[in-house]
Amino acid sequence: MSIVWLWTGVVSLVELSGQSTALLEGTLIHDPVWQQSAIIAGALLDLALGWALWHRPGRRVYEISLACMVLMTVVATVLSPSLWLHPLGPLLKNIPIALLLWQLRESSAS
């Protein structure tokens, strides 16, 4: 699970002026400074979650990861609902990830 967040965080920063910003075109965030701030904040959160899942796996980290993923999914849905219709399913993939995090949470003793 950690590789998903680590990779997403790294790619979001690498593509800061490319695909990352392109995802925000046509959303409620029009100002380039706010767009980059939102991308950087999301990437840092992704990196933090990836690090926590890698180095501190446990019930609490799974709960935090699940809550953050739900929040980011809601924000992405508000900003760009068309992502639900994307052929590669960038938001749809969050459903099995949520189920996996829930299962990890349930099976975790800590």
N, C-alpha and C. Protein backbone atom coordinates (compact mmCIF):
# COMPACT_ATOMS: atom_id res chain seq x y z
N MET A 1 0.81 -1.20 0.00
CA MET A 1 0.00 0.00 0.00
C MET A 1 0.86 1.27 0.00
N SER A 2 1.97 1.21 0.68
CA SER A 2 2.78 2.43 0.78
C SER A 2 3.28 2.90 -0.57
N ILE A 3 3.58 1.98 -1.48
CA ILE A 3 4.12 2.38 -2.78
C ILE A 3 3.11 3.22 -3.56
N VAL A 4 1.81 2.97 -3.37
CA VAL A 4 0.78 3.76 -4.05
C VAL A 4 0.90 5.23 -3.65
N TRP A 5 1.00 5.48 -2.36
CA TRP A 5 1.09 6.87 -1.90
C TRP A 5 2.45 7.48 -2.21
N LEU A 6 3.51 6.74 -2.01
CA LEU A 6 4.84 7.29 -2.31
C LEU A 6 4.96 7.65 -3.79
N TRP A 7 4.54 6.75 -4.66
CA TRP A 7 4.64 7.01 -6.09
C TRP A 7 3.76 8.19 -6.50
N THR A 8 2.53 8.24 -5.99
CA THR A 8 1.63 9.33 -6.32
C THR A 8 2.21 10.66 -5.88
N GLY A 9 2.79 10.70 -4.69
CA GLY A 9 3.39 11.94 -4.20
C GLY A 9 4.55 12.39 -5.06
N VAL A 10 5.43 11.47 -5.41
CA VAL A 10 6.59 11.80 -6.24
C VAL A 10 6.15 12.26 -7.63
N VAL A 11 5.25 11.51 -8.26
CA VAL A 11 4.81 11.86 -9.61
C VAL A 11 4.06 13.19 -9.61
N SER A 12 3.27 13.45 -8.58
CA SER A 12 2.56 14.73 -8.50
C SER A 12 3.53 15.90 -8.49
N LEU A 13 4.64 15.74 -7.79
CA LEU A 13 5.64 16.81 -7.73
C LEU A 13 6.45 16.90 -9.02
N VAL A 14 6.82 15.75 -9.57
CA VAL A 14 7.57 15.75 -10.83
C VAL A 14 6.74 16.39 -11.95
N GLU A 15 5.45 16.12 -11.94
CA GLU A 15 4.54 16.64 -12.98
C GLU A 15 3.82 17.91 -12.53
N LEU A 16 4.38 18.62 -11.58
CA LEU A 16 3.73 19.80 -11.01
C LEU A 16 3.26 20.79 -12.08
N SER A 17 4.08 21.05 -13.05
CA SER A 17 3.71 22.00 -14.10
C SER A 17 3.13 21.31 -15.33
N GLY A 18 2.92 20.01 -15.25
CA GLY A 18 2.40 19.26 -16.38
C GLY A 18 1.05 18.63 -16.07
N GLN A 19 1.04 17.31 -15.95
CA GLN A 19 -0.20 16.58 -15.76
C GLN A 19 -0.92 16.95 -14.47
N SER A 20 -0.16 17.22 -13.42
CA SER A 20 -0.79 17.58 -12.15
C SER A 20 -1.64 18.84 -12.30
N THR A 21 -1.07 19.87 -12.92
CA THR A 21 -1.80 21.11 -13.12
C THR A 21 -2.93 20.92 -14.13
N ALA A 22 -2.70 20.11 -15.14
CA ALA A 22 -3.73 19.84 -16.15
C ALA A 22 -4.99 19.23 -15.52
N LEU A 23 -4.80 18.42 -14.48
CA LEU A 23 -5.95 17.83 -13.80
C LEU A 23 -6.85 18.89 -13.16
N LEU A 24 -6.27 20.02 -12.81
CA LEU A 24 -7.04 21.07 -12.15
C LEU A 24 -7.66 22.07 -13.12
N GLU A 25 -7.34 21.96 -14.41
CA GLU A 25 -7.95 22.85 -15.39
C GLU A 25 -9.44 22.57 -15.46
N GLY A 26 -10.22 23.63 -15.47
CA GLY A 26 -11.66 23.48 -15.53
C GLY A 26 -12.31 23.17 -14.19
N THR A 27 -11.54 23.30 -13.11
CA THR A 27 -12.10 23.07 -11.77
C THR A 27 -12.37 24.41 -11.10
N LEU A 28 -12.72 24.35 -9.84
CA LEU A 28 -13.01 25.57 -9.08
C LEU A 28 -11.74 26.34 -8.71
N ILE A 29 -10.58 25.71 -8.87
CA ILE A 29 -9.31 26.37 -8.54
C ILE A 29 -8.71 26.91 -9.82
N HIS A 30 -8.80 28.24 -10.00
CA HIS A 30 -8.34 28.88 -11.23
C HIS A 30 -6.97 29.51 -11.11
N ASP A 31 -6.64 29.98 -9.93
CA ASP A 31 -5.38 30.69 -9.71
C ASP A 31 -4.22 29.69 -9.72
N PRO A 32 -3.19 29.93 -10.55
CA PRO A 32 -2.05 29.00 -10.63
C PRO A 32 -1.33 28.80 -9.30
N VAL A 33 -1.27 29.83 -8.47
CA VAL A 33 -0.62 29.69 -7.16
C VAL A 33 -1.41 28.72 -6.29
N TRP A 34 -2.73 28.86 -6.30
CA TRP A 34 -3.57 27.96 -5.52
C TRP A 34 -3.52 26.55 -6.09
N GLN A 35 -3.46 26.43 -7.40
CA GLN A 35 -3.36 25.11 -8.02
C GLN A 35 -2.09 24.40 -7.55
N GLN A 36 -0.97 25.10 -7.66
CA GLN A 36 0.29 24.49 -7.25
C GLN A 36 0.32 24.21 -5.75
N SER A 37 -0.27 25.09 -4.98
CA SER A 37 -0.33 24.87 -3.52
C SER A 37 -1.14 23.62 -3.20
N ALA A 38 -2.26 23.45 -3.89
CA ALA A 38 -3.10 22.27 -3.67
C ALA A 38 -2.37 21.00 -4.07
N ILE A 39 -1.66 21.04 -5.19
CA ILE A 39 -0.91 19.87 -5.65
C ILE A 39 0.20 19.53 -4.67
N ILE A 40 0.94 20.53 -4.25
CA ILE A 40 2.05 20.29 -3.31
C ILE A 40 1.52 19.75 -1.98
N ALA A 41 0.43 20.33 -1.48
CA ALA A 41 -0.15 19.85 -0.22
C ALA A 41 -0.60 18.39 -0.36
N GLY A 42 -1.27 18.08 -1.46
CA GLY A 42 -1.71 16.71 -1.68
C GLY A 42 -0.53 15.76 -1.82
N ALA A 43 0.51 16.19 -2.53
CA ALA A 43 1.70 15.35 -2.71
C ALA A 43 2.40 15.10 -1.38
N LEU A 44 2.51 16.13 -0.55
CA LEU A 44 3.15 15.96 0.76
C LEU A 44 2.33 15.02 1.65
N LEU A 45 1.01 15.13 1.57
CA LEU A 45 0.16 14.20 2.32
C LEU A 45 0.36 12.78 1.81
N ASP A 46 0.40 12.61 0.50
CA ASP A 46 0.65 11.28 -0.08
C ASP A 46 1.98 10.72 0.41
N LEU A 47 3.02 11.53 0.38
CA LEU A 47 4.34 11.07 0.83
C LEU A 47 4.33 10.72 2.31
N ALA A 48 3.67 11.51 3.12
CA ALA A 48 3.58 11.22 4.56
C ALA A 48 2.83 9.92 4.82
N LEU A 49 1.73 9.72 4.11
CA LEU A 49 0.98 8.47 4.27
C LEU A 49 1.80 7.28 3.81
N GLY A 50 2.48 7.44 2.68
CA GLY A 50 3.33 6.35 2.19
C GLY A 50 4.42 6.00 3.17
N TRP A 51 5.06 7.02 3.73
CA TRP A 51 6.12 6.78 4.73
C TRP A 51 5.54 6.08 5.96
N ALA A 52 4.40 6.55 6.44
CA ALA A 52 3.79 5.96 7.64
C ALA A 52 3.38 4.51 7.39
N LEU A 53 2.83 4.23 6.23
CA LEU A 53 2.44 2.85 5.92
C LEU A 53 3.65 1.94 5.79
N TRP A 54 4.76 2.49 5.34
CA TRP A 54 5.98 1.70 5.18
C TRP A 54 6.67 1.47 6.52
N HIS A 55 6.77 2.52 7.33
CA HIS A 55 7.57 2.45 8.55
C HIS A 55 6.77 2.21 9.83
N ARG A 56 5.51 2.52 9.84
CA ARG A 56 4.69 2.39 11.04
C ARG A 56 3.34 1.75 10.74
N PRO A 57 3.32 0.63 10.02
CA PRO A 57 2.01 0.04 9.72
C PRO A 57 1.30 -0.36 11.01
N GLY A 58 0.02 -0.18 11.03
CA GLY A 58 -0.78 -0.51 12.20
C GLY A 58 -2.16 0.08 12.08
N ARG A 59 -3.00 -0.31 13.00
CA ARG A 59 -4.41 0.08 12.96
C ARG A 59 -4.60 1.59 12.82
N ARG A 60 -3.88 2.37 13.59
CA ARG A 60 -4.04 3.83 13.57
C ARG A 60 -3.64 4.42 12.22
N VAL A 61 -2.54 3.94 11.66
CA VAL A 61 -2.08 4.43 10.36
C VAL A 61 -3.08 4.04 9.27
N TYR A 62 -3.63 2.83 9.35
CA TYR A 62 -4.64 2.42 8.37
C TYR A 62 -5.88 3.31 8.47
N GLU A 63 -6.28 3.64 9.68
CA GLU A 63 -7.45 4.51 9.87
C GLU A 63 -7.19 5.92 9.31
N ILE A 64 -6.02 6.45 9.58
CA ILE A 64 -5.67 7.78 9.09
C ILE A 64 -5.60 7.77 7.56
N SER A 65 -4.98 6.73 7.01
CA SER A 65 -4.88 6.61 5.55
C SER A 65 -6.25 6.53 4.91
N LEU A 66 -7.12 5.75 5.51
CA LEU A 66 -8.47 5.60 4.98
C LEU A 66 -9.22 6.93 5.03
N ALA A 67 -9.12 7.62 6.15
CA ALA A 67 -9.79 8.91 6.29
C ALA A 67 -9.26 9.93 5.29
N CYS A 68 -7.95 9.98 5.11
CA CYS A 68 -7.35 10.92 4.15
C CYS A 68 -7.76 10.57 2.72
N MET A 69 -7.80 9.29 2.40
CA MET A 69 -8.18 8.87 1.06
C MET A 69 -9.63 9.24 0.77
N VAL A 70 -10.51 9.04 1.76
CA VAL A 70 -11.91 9.43 1.59
C VAL A 70 -12.01 10.94 1.39
N LEU A 71 -11.30 11.71 2.21
CA LEU A 71 -11.32 13.16 2.08
C LEU A 71 -10.81 13.60 0.71
N MET A 72 -9.69 13.04 0.26
CA MET A 72 -9.14 13.41 -1.05
C MET A 72 -10.09 13.01 -2.18
N THR A 73 -10.79 11.89 -2.02
CA THR A 73 -11.75 11.45 -3.03
C THR A 73 -12.93 12.42 -3.10
N VAL A 74 -13.40 12.86 -1.95
CA VAL A 74 -14.50 13.84 -1.91
C VAL A 74 -14.06 15.16 -2.55
N VAL A 75 -12.87 15.63 -2.19
CA VAL A 75 -12.36 16.88 -2.77
C VAL A 75 -12.21 16.74 -4.28
N ALA A 76 -11.65 15.64 -4.75
CA ALA A 76 -11.48 15.43 -6.19
C ALA A 76 -12.84 15.36 -6.89
N THR A 77 -13.82 14.76 -6.23
CA THR A 77 -15.16 14.66 -6.81
C THR A 77 -15.80 16.04 -6.94
N VAL A 78 -15.62 16.89 -5.93
CA VAL A 78 -16.17 18.24 -5.98
C VAL A 78 -15.46 19.07 -7.07
N LEU A 79 -14.13 18.95 -7.12
CA LEU A 79 -13.36 19.73 -8.09
C LEU A 79 -13.55 19.26 -9.53
N SER A 80 -13.65 17.94 -9.70
CA SER A 80 -13.73 17.40 -11.06
C SER A 80 -14.52 16.09 -11.08
N PRO A 81 -15.84 16.18 -11.00
CA PRO A 81 -16.67 14.96 -10.97
C PRO A 81 -16.47 14.06 -12.19
N SER A 82 -15.99 14.63 -13.29
CA SER A 82 -15.79 13.83 -14.49
C SER A 82 -14.70 12.77 -14.31
N LEU A 83 -13.89 12.89 -13.26
CA LEU A 83 -12.88 11.86 -13.00
C LEU A 83 -13.52 10.48 -12.76
N TRP A 84 -14.77 10.47 -12.32
CA TRP A 84 -15.48 9.19 -12.13
C TRP A 84 -15.76 8.52 -13.47
N LEU A 85 -15.75 9.28 -14.55
CA LEU A 85 -16.01 8.73 -15.88
C LEU A 85 -14.73 8.47 -16.68
N HIS A 86 -13.59 8.75 -16.08
CA HIS A 86 -12.30 8.54 -16.75
C HIS A 86 -12.11 7.05 -17.04
N PRO A 87 -11.66 6.70 -18.25
CA PRO A 87 -11.50 5.28 -18.61
C PRO A 87 -10.54 4.49 -17.72
N LEU A 88 -9.55 5.15 -17.14
CA LEU A 88 -8.61 4.45 -16.26
C LEU A 88 -9.04 4.46 -14.80
N GLY A 89 -10.14 5.10 -14.50
CA GLY A 89 -10.74 5.05 -13.18
C GLY A 89 -9.90 5.56 -12.02
N PRO A 90 -9.33 6.78 -12.12
CA PRO A 90 -8.49 7.26 -11.02
C PRO A 90 -9.22 7.35 -9.68
N LEU A 91 -10.52 7.64 -9.69
CA LEU A 91 -11.27 7.69 -8.43
C LEU A 91 -11.90 6.34 -8.10
N LEU A 92 -12.29 5.62 -9.11
CA LEU A 92 -12.90 4.30 -8.89
C LEU A 92 -11.93 3.36 -8.18
N LYS A 93 -10.64 3.51 -8.46
CA LYS A 93 -9.63 2.66 -7.82
C LYS A 93 -9.58 2.87 -6.32
N ASN A 94 -10.10 3.98 -5.84
CA ASN A 94 -10.10 4.22 -4.40
C ASN A 94 -11.02 3.28 -3.64
N ILE A 95 -12.02 2.73 -4.31
CA ILE A 95 -12.93 1.81 -3.62
C ILE A 95 -12.22 0.54 -3.18
N PRO A 96 -11.49 -0.18 -4.07
CA PRO A 96 -10.77 -1.36 -3.58
C PRO A 96 -9.65 -1.01 -2.60
N ILE A 97 -9.04 0.17 -2.77
CA ILE A 97 -8.01 0.59 -1.82
C ILE A 97 -8.64 0.80 -0.45
N ALA A 98 -9.81 1.41 -0.40
CA ALA A 98 -10.52 1.61 0.86
C ALA A 98 -10.85 0.26 1.50
N LEU A 99 -11.31 -0.67 0.70
CA LEU A 99 -11.63 -2.00 1.24
C LEU A 99 -10.39 -2.69 1.80
N LEU A 100 -9.28 -2.57 1.10
CA LEU A 100 -8.03 -3.15 1.58
C LEU A 100 -7.58 -2.49 2.88
N LEU A 101 -7.64 -1.17 2.94
CA LEU A 101 -7.27 -0.48 4.18
C LEU A 101 -8.17 -0.89 5.34
N TRP A 102 -9.45 -1.04 5.05
CA TRP A 102 -10.39 -1.48 6.10
C TRP A 102 -10.02 -2.88 6.58
N GLN A 103 -9.71 -3.77 5.64
CA GLN A 103 -9.33 -5.14 6.01
C GLN A 103 -8.04 -5.15 6.82
N LEU A 104 -7.07 -4.36 6.41
CA LEU A 104 -5.82 -4.25 7.17
C LEU A 104 -6.09 -3.71 8.57
N ARG A 105 -6.96 -2.72 8.67
CA ARG A 105 -7.35 -2.16 9.96
C ARG A 105 -7.96 -3.22 10.86
N GLU A 106 -8.87 -4.00 10.29
CA GLU A 106 -9.56 -5.03 11.06
C GLU A 106 -8.62 -6.15 11.51
N SER A 107 -7.64 -6.46 10.70
CA SER A 107 -6.74 -7.58 11.03
C SER A 107 -5.53 -7.14 11.85
N SER A 108 -5.40 -5.83 12.06
CA SER A 108 -4.26 -5.29 12.79
C SER A 108 -4.51 -5.36 14.29
N ALA A 109 -3.49 -5.80 15.01
CA ALA A 109 -3.60 -5.91 16.47
C ALA A 109 -3.24 -4.60 17.17
N SER A 110 -2.47 -3.74 16.49
CA SER A 110 -2.03 -2.51 17.17
C SER A 110 -2.92 -1.34 16.87
